C-alpha atoms as a PDB file:
ATOM      1  CA  MET A   1    -113.153  64.802  14.025  1.00  0.00           C
ATOM      2  CA  THR A   2    -114.267  64.273  17.592  1.00  0.00           C
ATOM      3  CA  ASP A   3    -114.559  60.867  19.203  1.00  0.00           C
ATOM      4  CA  LEU A   4    -118.360  61.190  19.278  1.00  0.00           C
ATOM      5  CA  ASN A   5    -118.463  61.517  15.483  1.00  0.00           C
ATOM      6  CA  ARG A   6    -117.195  57.967  14.931  1.00  0.00           C
ATOM      7  CA  GLY A   7    -118.895  54.583  14.818  1.00  0.00           C
ATOM      8  CA  ILE A   8    -122.481  54.422  13.583  1.00  0.00           C
ATOM      9  CA  MET A   9    -123.024  58.181  14.016  1.00  0.00           C
ATOM     10  CA  LYS A  10    -121.046  59.134  10.906  1.00  0.00           C
ATOM     11  CA  PHE A  11    -122.830  62.312   9.903  1.00  0.00           C
ATOM     12  CA  ARG A  12    -122.177  66.002  10.345  1.00  0.00           C
ATOM     13  CA  GLY A  13    -123.492  67.246  13.662  1.00  0.00           C
ATOM     14  CA  ALA A  14    -123.635  63.823  15.298  1.00  0.00           C
ATOM     15  CA  ASP A  15    -121.925  65.243  18.376  1.00  0.00           C
ATOM     16  CA  SER A  16    -124.213  68.273  18.650  1.00  0.00           C
ATOM     17  CA  GLY A  17    -126.232  68.796  21.790  1.00  0.00           C
ATOM     18  CA  ALA A  18    -129.553  68.425  19.991  1.00  0.00           C
ATOM     19  CA  ALA A  19    -128.620  65.045  18.516  1.00  0.00           C
ATOM     20  CA  ILE A  20    -127.447  63.777  21.891  1.00  0.00           C
ATOM     21  CA  VAL A  21    -130.611  64.963  23.659  1.00  0.00           C
ATOM     22  CA  LEU A  22    -132.828  63.454  20.958  1.00  0.00           C
ATOM     23  CA  SER A  23    -131.017  60.116  21.134  1.00  0.00           C
ATOM     24  CA  ALA A  24    -131.223  60.089  24.929  1.00  0.00           C
ATOM     25  CA  CYS A  25    -134.967  60.785  24.801  1.00  0.00           C
ATOM     26  CA  PHE A  26    -135.535  57.894  22.391  1.00  0.00           C
ATOM     27  CA  ILE A  27    -133.475  55.513  24.507  1.00  0.00           C
ATOM     28  CA  LEU A  28    -135.008  56.527  27.847  1.00  0.00           C
ATOM     29  CA  GLY A  29    -138.493  56.526  26.346  1.00  0.00           C
ATOM     30  CA  GLY A  30    -137.984  53.014  25.032  1.00  0.00           C
ATOM     31  CA  ILE A  31    -136.732  51.799  28.393  1.00  0.00           C
ATOM     32  CA  ALA A  32    -139.681  53.433  30.187  1.00  0.00           C
ATOM     33  CA  PHE A  33    -142.112  51.854  27.708  1.00  0.00           C
ATOM     34  CA  LEU A  34    -140.621  48.412  28.263  1.00  0.00           C
ATOM     35  CA  ILE A  35    -140.780  48.778  32.057  1.00  0.00           C
ATOM     36  CA  VAL A  36    -144.420  49.905  31.971  1.00  0.00           C
ATOM     37  CA  TRP A  37    -145.336  47.123  29.545  1.00  0.00           C
ATOM     38  CA  ALA A  38    -143.579  44.502  31.684  1.00  0.00           C
ATOM     39  CA  LEU A  39    -145.310  45.680  34.861  1.00  0.00           C
ATOM     40  CA  GLN A  40    -148.720  45.696  33.179  1.00  0.00           C
ATOM     41  CA  THR A  41    -148.115  42.206  31.824  1.00  0.00           C
ATOM     42  CA  ALA A  42    -146.861  40.824  35.138  1.00  0.00           C
ATOM     43  CA  TYR A  43    -149.459  42.516  37.338  1.00  0.00           C
ATOM     44  CA  PRO A  44    -152.740  42.977  35.461  1.00  0.00           C
ATOM     45  CA  LEU A  45    -155.051  45.354  37.322  1.00  0.00           C
ATOM     46  CA  ALA A  46    -158.302  44.517  35.558  1.00  0.00           C
END
């Protein structure tokens, strides 16, 4: 068992490249959404 297959990712293939890329996309997308939302809330253009 690799170190990446421990913790909350306890399923077969958790350390595969596709799972890592998918997780990174979700995390970065969420961060980008929060930044855009915060900027729109702080500086309304309309």
